[in-house]
Amino acid sequence: MSSDTLWDLDSHSIGKHLVLDRYIKGWFPILSRVTRSKNLLVIDGFSGPGEYSNGYSGSPVILLDALLEHCDGYLKDVNTTFVFIEKDEARLTHLQELVSKKYEMLPTSITLKFINSSFKESIKDLFLIIKHRQKDQSPSFTLIDPFGIKDTPMHLIDAILQNDKAEVYISWMYEFINRFKGTSEFKPHLNGLFGSEAWIDCLDISDKNERREFLTGLYKNSLKKSNPEHQVVHFELMKGKRHVYSIFFVSKSSAGTNLMKEAIWKHVPEGDFRYQGDIGLELNIAVPDYSPLIDSIVNEFKGRWVTSKDIQWFVASDKTQYHKAQVKKYALKVLEEQGRIKVDPAYNRSRRYTYPDAMRLNITH
């Protein structure tokens, strides 16, 4: 097999696949339970051959395996369409052969579409599929994991996100952007990537960390521009001290952002990466620091009576780098131990340091 068709999965990219795998395995059953939708759409914009030469599964196999885990349960009566896009004909052919051998008897509820094109050039075919599914607001998940940036214009991502139930997982190659940012032939691609020329201001920033922070912040804002209700989770994959990928996840649902953050936290000890949020929180440590979680809750709710559930969903959103399962043990309990929280006396709880969803709390300071 040609090395152009199959290649090794780099060790620093394994974390990206671990997060994808955990997230998508939670996404399928949640959507079927919550939305009651009878149709799902999954788009892999840069599918590749489906496997790596060193034995790892590619994204198409990760996505299909995750669905098949639930086909006899939550997704028994749900029709799911997978769209695999790959511009290299040999890779797409390999993927089709791999899928036909590995999944000889797929359920009739699963439809597979293979498009031999770039993500950008498949826009016509994609729009036909997306518009058809937007009629009933079917949930969709789109994976965008390119080798470069020229095939991922913001207007195409915006079009996908017009569906309120659409979610997008984007791998973003910052070092590639940084290396070619000053070349004239690269300018149109960067304009397309960000949806504007605002990125040009980065050329005046000499500090490399400040430049990366500026560009990642700009990209995050660009993803929110078409709809301010979009929530964006951002984290970074590192190889030692070297930045490899930035990952952006976009959803209109706090349940989606919460699930993605759970997936990230789950694999921090295993993956060769760190989670970098807007406040610079790093999760590649043995004992996580929950003080930013406590501070964000205090700043948001101090002096107000709110329910435990209100606080959990605030944490679930993209306003924090934590997920809601961490709230009670690592924030509310600590605040109560410090005498900084009042519990509504009308609520008769059975045990101290328990916080049922309906319980009202007041954070004093």
Protein backbone atom coordinates (compact mmCIF):
# COMPACT_ATOMS: atom_id res chain seq x y z
CA MET A 1 0.00 0.00 0.00
CA SER A 2 1.40 3.41 -0.99
CA SER A 3 2.50 5.67 1.85
CA ASP A 4 0.41 8.36 0.16
CA THR A 5 -2.69 6.27 0.82
CA LEU A 6 -1.93 5.07 4.34
CA TRP A 7 0.36 6.70 6.89
CA ASP A 8 1.16 6.40 10.58
CA LEU A 9 -1.04 8.15 13.11
CA ASP A 10 1.33 10.43 15.04
CA SER A 11 1.39 9.93 18.81
CA HIS A 12 0.42 13.55 19.44
CA SER A 13 -2.75 13.10 17.36
CA ILE A 14 -4.04 10.17 19.41
CA GLY A 15 -5.54 12.55 22.00
CA LYS A 16 -7.66 14.16 19.30
CA HIS A 17 -9.11 10.77 18.36
CA LEU A 18 -9.68 9.78 21.98
CA VAL A 19 -11.74 12.92 22.56
CA LEU A 20 -13.70 12.40 19.32
CA ASP A 21 -14.42 8.77 20.22
CA ARG A 22 -15.67 9.56 23.72
CA TYR A 23 -17.75 12.50 22.58
CA ILE A 24 -19.48 10.79 19.66
CA LYS A 25 -20.32 7.73 21.77
CA GLY A 26 -22.21 10.06 24.10
CA TRP A 27 -23.67 12.24 21.33
CA PHE A 28 -25.66 9.51 19.57
CA PRO A 29 -27.74 8.32 22.56
CA ILE A 30 -28.22 11.83 23.99
CA LEU A 31 -29.64 13.15 20.73
CA SER A 32 -31.98 10.24 20.25
CA ARG A 33 -33.32 10.63 23.80
CA VAL A 34 -33.52 14.42 23.99
CA THR A 35 -34.52 15.45 20.47
CA ARG A 36 -36.62 12.41 19.61
CA SER A 37 -35.37 12.91 16.06
CA LYS A 38 -35.83 10.14 13.54
CA ASN A 39 -32.91 11.35 11.41
CA LEU A 40 -29.25 12.09 12.10
CA LEU A 41 -26.58 13.44 9.75
CA VAL A 42 -22.84 12.83 10.23
CA ILE A 43 -20.34 14.52 7.90
CA ASP A 44 -16.64 13.64 7.84
CA GLY A 45 -15.17 16.44 5.73
CA PHE A 46 -11.67 14.96 5.42
CA SER A 47 -12.27 11.26 5.90
CA GLY A 48 -9.01 9.80 4.60
CA PRO A 49 -8.65 6.04 4.04
CA GLY A 50 -10.34 4.99 7.30
CA GLU A 51 -7.27 3.48 8.95
CA TYR A 52 -3.60 4.15 9.62
CA SER A 53 -0.60 2.02 8.70
CA ASN A 54 0.30 1.57 12.39
CA GLY A 55 -3.03 -0.05 13.23
CA TYR A 56 -5.15 2.85 14.49
CA SER A 57 -8.68 3.40 13.23
CA GLY A 58 -9.45 6.52 11.22
CA SER A 59 -12.34 8.87 11.90
CA PRO A 60 -14.87 7.07 9.63
CA VAL A 61 -14.42 3.83 11.60
CA ILE A 62 -14.58 5.69 14.93
CA LEU A 63 -17.85 7.31 13.86
CA LEU A 64 -19.44 4.12 12.50
CA ASP A 65 -18.39 1.99 15.48
CA ALA A 66 -19.87 4.55 17.88
CA LEU A 67 -23.22 4.45 16.11
CA LEU A 68 -23.32 0.67 15.91
CA GLU A 69 -22.92 0.45 19.70
CA HIS A 70 -26.39 2.00 20.03
CA CYS A 71 -28.24 0.69 16.97
CA ASP A 72 -30.11 -1.94 18.96
CA GLY A 73 -31.00 0.47 21.74
CA TYR A 74 -31.38 4.24 21.65
CA LEU A 75 -30.99 4.47 17.88
CA LYS A 76 -33.06 1.48 16.87
CA ASP A 77 -35.62 3.56 14.94
CA VAL A 78 -33.31 6.41 13.87
CA ASN A 79 -32.13 6.83 10.27
CA THR A 80 -28.51 7.99 10.11
CA THR A 81 -26.75 9.29 7.03
CA PHE A 82 -22.94 9.32 6.94
CA VAL A 83 -21.23 11.54 4.37
CA PHE A 84 -17.55 10.77 3.83
CA ILE A 85 -15.66 13.39 1.81
CA GLU A 86 -12.14 12.71 0.51
CA LYS A 87 -10.46 14.40 -2.45
CA ASP A 88 -7.76 11.72 -2.93
CA GLU A 89 -9.32 8.99 -5.06
CA ALA A 90 -7.02 6.21 -3.82
CA ARG A 91 -7.80 7.03 -0.18
CA LEU A 92 -11.53 7.14 -0.83
CA THR A 93 -11.38 3.82 -2.68
CA HIS A 94 -9.48 2.29 0.24
CA LEU A 95 -12.12 3.63 2.65
CA GLN A 96 -14.97 2.15 0.59
CA GLU A 97 -13.25 -1.24 0.45
CA LEU A 98 -12.48 -1.13 4.18
CA VAL A 99 -16.06 -0.27 5.07
CA SER A 100 -17.52 -2.97 2.82
CA LYS A 101 -15.30 -5.63 4.44
CA LYS A 102 -15.57 -4.45 8.03
CA TYR A 103 -19.32 -3.79 7.96
CA GLU A 104 -20.77 -6.49 5.73
CA MET A 105 -24.30 -6.21 7.15
CA LEU A 106 -25.01 -2.65 8.17
CA PRO A 107 -28.54 -1.97 9.48
CA THR A 108 -30.91 -0.63 6.84
CA SER A 109 -31.26 2.53 8.94
CA ILE A 110 -27.69 3.54 8.01
CA THR A 111 -26.98 5.27 4.69
CA LEU A 112 -23.42 5.84 3.48
CA LYS A 113 -22.49 8.52 0.94
CA PHE A 114 -18.95 8.84 -0.46
CA ILE A 115 -17.89 12.07 -2.18
CA ASN A 116 -14.61 12.21 -4.12
CA SER A 117 -13.92 15.91 -3.74
CA SER A 118 -12.40 18.48 -1.43
CA PHE A 119 -14.55 19.73 1.43
CA LYS A 120 -14.72 23.15 -0.20
CA GLU A 121 -15.56 21.84 -3.66
CA SER A 122 -18.23 19.50 -2.32
CA ILE A 123 -20.28 22.52 -1.27
CA LYS A 124 -23.03 21.88 -3.84
CA ASP A 125 -23.53 18.25 -2.80
CA LEU A 126 -23.27 19.16 0.87
CA PHE A 127 -25.84 21.93 0.61
CA LEU A 128 -28.34 19.59 -1.00
CA ILE A 129 -27.93 17.12 1.85
CA ILE A 130 -27.89 19.81 4.55
CA LYS A 131 -30.94 21.65 3.20
CA HIS A 132 -32.88 18.41 3.00
CA ARG A 133 -32.11 17.68 6.64
CA GLN A 134 -32.70 21.27 7.78
CA LYS A 135 -36.37 20.96 6.87
CA ASP A 136 -36.97 18.87 9.97
CA GLN A 137 -34.01 20.34 11.90
CA SER A 138 -32.32 16.94 12.10
CA PRO A 139 -29.29 16.93 14.40
CA SER A 140 -25.94 16.86 12.62
CA PHE A 141 -22.30 16.37 13.56
CA THR A 142 -19.56 17.54 11.20
CA LEU A 143 -15.90 16.64 11.61
CA ILE A 144 -13.47 19.02 9.89
CA ASP A 145 -9.91 17.71 10.18
CA PRO A 146 -7.87 19.11 7.26
CA PHE A 147 -4.17 19.02 6.41
CA GLY A 148 -4.18 22.76 5.66
CA ILE A 149 -6.65 25.63 5.67
CA LYS A 150 -7.64 26.44 2.09
CA ASP A 151 -10.57 23.99 2.03
CA THR A 152 -12.31 25.20 5.21
CA PRO A 153 -13.87 28.62 4.52
CA MET A 154 -15.95 30.16 7.26
CA HIS A 155 -18.99 30.60 5.00
CA LEU A 156 -19.28 26.83 4.58
CA ILE A 157 -19.07 26.26 8.34
CA ASP A 158 -21.67 29.01 8.84
CA ALA A 159 -23.97 27.24 6.38
CA ILE A 160 -23.71 23.98 8.31
CA LEU A 161 -24.41 25.79 11.58
CA GLN A 162 -27.63 27.33 10.26
CA ASN A 163 -29.30 24.24 11.66
CA ASP A 164 -29.87 24.86 15.38
CA LYS A 165 -29.06 21.22 16.08
CA ALA A 166 -25.77 21.20 14.18
CA GLU A 167 -22.45 20.60 15.92
CA VAL A 168 -19.00 21.00 14.39
CA TYR A 169 -15.64 19.62 15.57
CA ILE A 170 -12.75 21.47 13.89
CA SER A 171 -9.05 20.67 13.89
CA TRP A 172 -7.15 23.90 13.28
CA MET A 173 -3.47 23.90 12.29
CA TYR A 174 -2.16 27.07 13.90
CA GLU A 175 1.52 26.47 13.12
CA PHE A 176 0.66 26.16 9.44
CA ILE A 177 -1.21 29.47 9.63
CA ASN A 178 1.61 31.14 11.51
CA ARG A 179 4.28 29.95 9.07
CA PHE A 180 2.61 31.29 5.93
CA LYS A 181 0.66 34.26 7.30
CA GLY A 182 2.86 36.88 5.61
CA THR A 183 2.85 35.42 2.10
CA SER A 184 0.64 37.13 -0.48
CA GLU A 185 -0.64 33.90 -2.04
CA PHE A 186 -1.85 32.75 1.39
CA LYS A 187 -3.94 35.85 2.07
CA PRO A 188 -7.12 34.69 0.21
CA HIS A 189 -7.08 31.41 2.13
CA LEU A 190 -6.79 33.22 5.47
CA ASN A 191 -9.57 35.61 4.46
CA GLY A 192 -11.74 32.58 3.78
CA LEU A 193 -10.73 30.81 6.98
CA PHE A 194 -11.65 33.74 9.23
CA GLY A 195 -14.42 35.13 7.03
CA SER A 196 -12.73 38.55 7.01
CA GLU A 197 -9.36 40.32 6.82
CA ALA A 198 -9.25 40.93 10.57
CA TRP A 199 -6.43 38.35 10.91
CA ILE A 200 -4.00 40.84 9.29
CA ASP A 201 -3.59 42.59 12.65
CA CYS A 202 -1.60 39.56 13.82
CA LEU A 203 1.29 40.65 11.59
CA ASP A 204 2.01 43.48 14.04
CA ILE A 205 2.21 41.13 17.07
CA SER A 206 5.78 40.01 17.71
CA ASP A 207 5.20 37.81 20.76
CA LYS A 208 4.34 34.31 19.51
CA ASN A 209 2.03 33.47 22.42
CA GLU A 210 0.12 36.73 22.09
CA ARG A 211 -0.17 36.16 18.33
CA ARG A 212 -1.61 32.68 18.82
CA GLU A 213 -4.01 33.97 21.47
CA PHE A 214 -5.15 36.74 19.12
CA LEU A 215 -5.77 34.39 16.19
CA THR A 216 -7.51 31.67 18.20
CA GLY A 217 -9.70 34.32 19.82
CA LEU A 218 -10.52 35.80 16.43
CA TYR A 219 -11.45 32.39 15.05
CA LYS A 220 -13.65 31.67 18.03
CA ASN A 221 -15.45 35.00 17.54
CA SER A 222 -15.83 34.24 13.82
CA LEU A 223 -17.57 30.97 14.67
CA LYS A 224 -19.99 32.90 16.89
CA LYS A 225 -20.53 35.74 14.44
CA SER A 226 -23.34 34.19 12.41
CA ASN A 227 -25.21 33.29 15.60
CA PRO A 228 -24.26 34.71 19.04
CA GLU A 229 -26.02 31.75 20.65
CA HIS A 230 -23.34 29.39 19.39
CA GLN A 231 -21.10 28.06 22.13
CA VAL A 232 -17.47 27.34 21.35
CA VAL A 233 -15.17 25.06 23.34
CA HIS A 234 -11.48 25.50 22.51
CA PHE A 235 -8.55 23.34 23.53
CA GLU A 236 -5.04 22.74 22.29
CA LEU A 237 -3.02 19.62 21.56
CA MET A 238 0.65 19.85 22.52
CA LYS A 239 3.71 17.72 21.84
CA GLY A 240 5.88 18.60 24.81
CA LYS A 241 6.08 22.38 24.61
CA ARG A 242 5.30 22.46 20.90
CA HIS A 243 1.81 23.42 19.78
CA VAL A 244 0.35 20.93 17.28
CA TYR A 245 -3.38 21.54 16.86
CA SER A 246 -6.08 23.82 18.11
CA ILE A 247 -9.48 22.16 18.38
CA PHE A 248 -12.75 24.09 18.25
CA PHE A 249 -16.12 22.56 19.01
CA VAL A 250 -19.27 24.51 18.16
CA SER A 251 -22.79 23.79 19.39
CA LYS A 252 -25.88 25.74 20.31
CA SER A 253 -26.50 23.32 23.16
CA SER A 254 -24.94 23.44 26.62
CA ALA A 255 -25.46 19.68 26.71
CA GLY A 256 -23.13 19.41 23.73
CA THR A 257 -20.45 21.68 25.17
CA ASN A 258 -20.67 19.89 28.50
CA LEU A 259 -20.25 16.49 26.85
CA MET A 260 -17.23 17.73 24.89
CA LYS A 261 -15.58 19.07 28.04
CA GLU A 262 -16.24 15.78 29.81
CA ALA A 263 -14.51 13.99 26.93
CA ILE A 264 -11.50 16.31 27.20
CA TRP A 265 -11.17 15.93 30.97
CA LYS A 266 -11.56 12.16 30.69
CA HIS A 267 -8.53 11.78 28.42
CA VAL A 268 -6.18 14.38 29.85
CA PRO A 269 -4.12 11.75 31.74
CA GLU A 270 -3.96 9.51 28.65
CA GLY A 271 -3.52 11.88 25.72
CA ASP A 272 -0.32 13.72 24.88
CA PHE A 273 -2.03 17.10 25.04
CA ARG A 274 -3.30 19.81 27.31
CA TYR A 275 -6.63 21.59 27.38
CA GLN A 276 -6.13 25.30 26.89
CA GLY A 277 -9.19 27.41 27.58
CA ASP A 278 -9.76 31.15 27.39
CA ILE A 279 -8.21 31.67 30.83
CA GLY A 280 -5.20 29.50 30.08
CA LEU A 281 -6.31 26.54 32.20
CA GLU A 282 -4.01 23.57 31.73
CA LEU A 283 -5.24 20.09 32.55
CA ASN A 284 -2.01 18.12 32.10
CA ILE A 285 -1.45 17.97 35.85
CA ALA A 286 -2.00 15.23 38.41
CA VAL A 287 -4.19 17.35 40.71
CA PRO A 288 -6.50 19.70 38.77
CA ASP A 289 -6.96 23.27 40.02
CA TYR A 290 -10.64 23.94 40.70
CA SER A 291 -10.19 27.48 42.01
CA PRO A 292 -11.10 29.02 38.59
CA LEU A 293 -14.32 26.97 38.71
CA ILE A 294 -15.20 28.38 42.12
CA ASP A 295 -14.28 31.93 41.06
CA SER A 296 -16.44 31.76 37.93
CA ILE A 297 -19.45 30.53 39.93
CA VAL A 298 -19.02 33.23 42.58
CA ASN A 299 -18.64 35.98 39.97
CA GLU A 300 -21.75 34.84 38.13
CA PHE A 301 -24.13 34.14 41.03
CA LYS A 302 -22.92 36.04 44.12
CA GLY A 303 -25.78 37.60 46.08
CA ARG A 304 -28.58 35.82 44.17
CA TRP A 305 -30.82 32.89 45.04
CA VAL A 306 -30.35 30.26 42.34
CA THR A 307 -30.84 26.52 42.07
CA SER A 308 -28.10 23.94 41.99
CA LYS A 309 -29.28 23.11 38.49
CA ASP A 310 -28.80 26.74 37.36
CA ILE A 311 -25.19 26.62 38.49
CA GLN A 312 -24.55 23.29 36.80
CA TRP A 313 -25.81 24.49 33.43
CA PHE A 314 -23.79 27.68 33.69
CA VAL A 315 -20.68 25.56 34.19
CA ALA A 316 -21.74 23.28 31.32
CA SER A 317 -21.69 26.21 28.89
CA ASP A 318 -18.63 27.66 27.15
CA LYS A 319 -18.32 30.28 29.89
CA THR A 320 -16.14 27.88 31.89
CA GLN A 321 -13.56 25.22 31.12
CA TYR A 322 -15.21 22.70 33.47
CA HIS A 323 -18.18 20.37 33.19
CA LYS A 324 -21.25 20.16 35.39
CA ALA A 325 -20.37 16.87 37.13
CA GLN A 326 -17.55 18.76 38.87
CA VAL A 327 -19.81 21.43 40.39
CA LYS A 328 -21.13 19.80 43.55
CA LYS A 329 -17.97 18.12 44.84
CA TYR A 330 -15.33 20.63 43.78
CA ALA A 331 -17.20 23.93 44.05
CA LEU A 332 -20.43 23.92 46.09
CA LYS A 333 -19.05 21.70 48.83
CA VAL A 334 -15.91 23.83 49.12
CA LEU A 335 -17.96 27.02 49.27
CA GLU A 336 -20.18 25.60 52.01
CA GLU A 337 -17.16 24.40 54.00
CA GLN A 338 -15.78 27.93 53.78
CA GLY A 339 -19.07 29.42 55.01
CA ARG A 340 -19.61 31.27 51.74
CA ILE A 341 -22.90 29.68 50.77
CA LYS A 342 -26.40 29.68 52.25
CA VAL A 343 -28.89 26.90 51.65
CA ASP A 344 -32.60 27.75 51.50
CA PRO A 345 -33.94 26.61 54.92
CA ALA A 346 -37.23 25.67 53.26
CA TYR A 347 -35.42 22.82 51.51
CA ASN A 348 -35.06 19.88 53.88
CA ARG A 349 -32.03 17.97 52.58
CA SER A 350 -31.23 14.58 54.04
CA ARG A 351 -27.46 15.09 54.28
CA ARG A 352 -25.09 18.03 54.48
CA TYR A 353 -22.98 18.74 51.39
CA THR A 354 -25.60 17.38 49.03
CA TYR A 355 -27.11 19.65 46.39
CA PRO A 356 -30.20 18.29 44.60
CA ASP A 357 -30.99 20.13 41.37
CA ALA A 358 -34.01 21.98 42.78
CA MET A 359 -32.23 23.21 45.91
CA ARG A 360 -31.90 27.01 46.13
CA LEU A 361 -28.55 28.47 47.14
CA ASN A 362 -27.17 31.92 47.83
CA ILE A 363 -23.45 32.57 47.46
CA THR A 364 -22.57 35.35 49.90
CA HIS A 365 -19.01 36.21 48.93
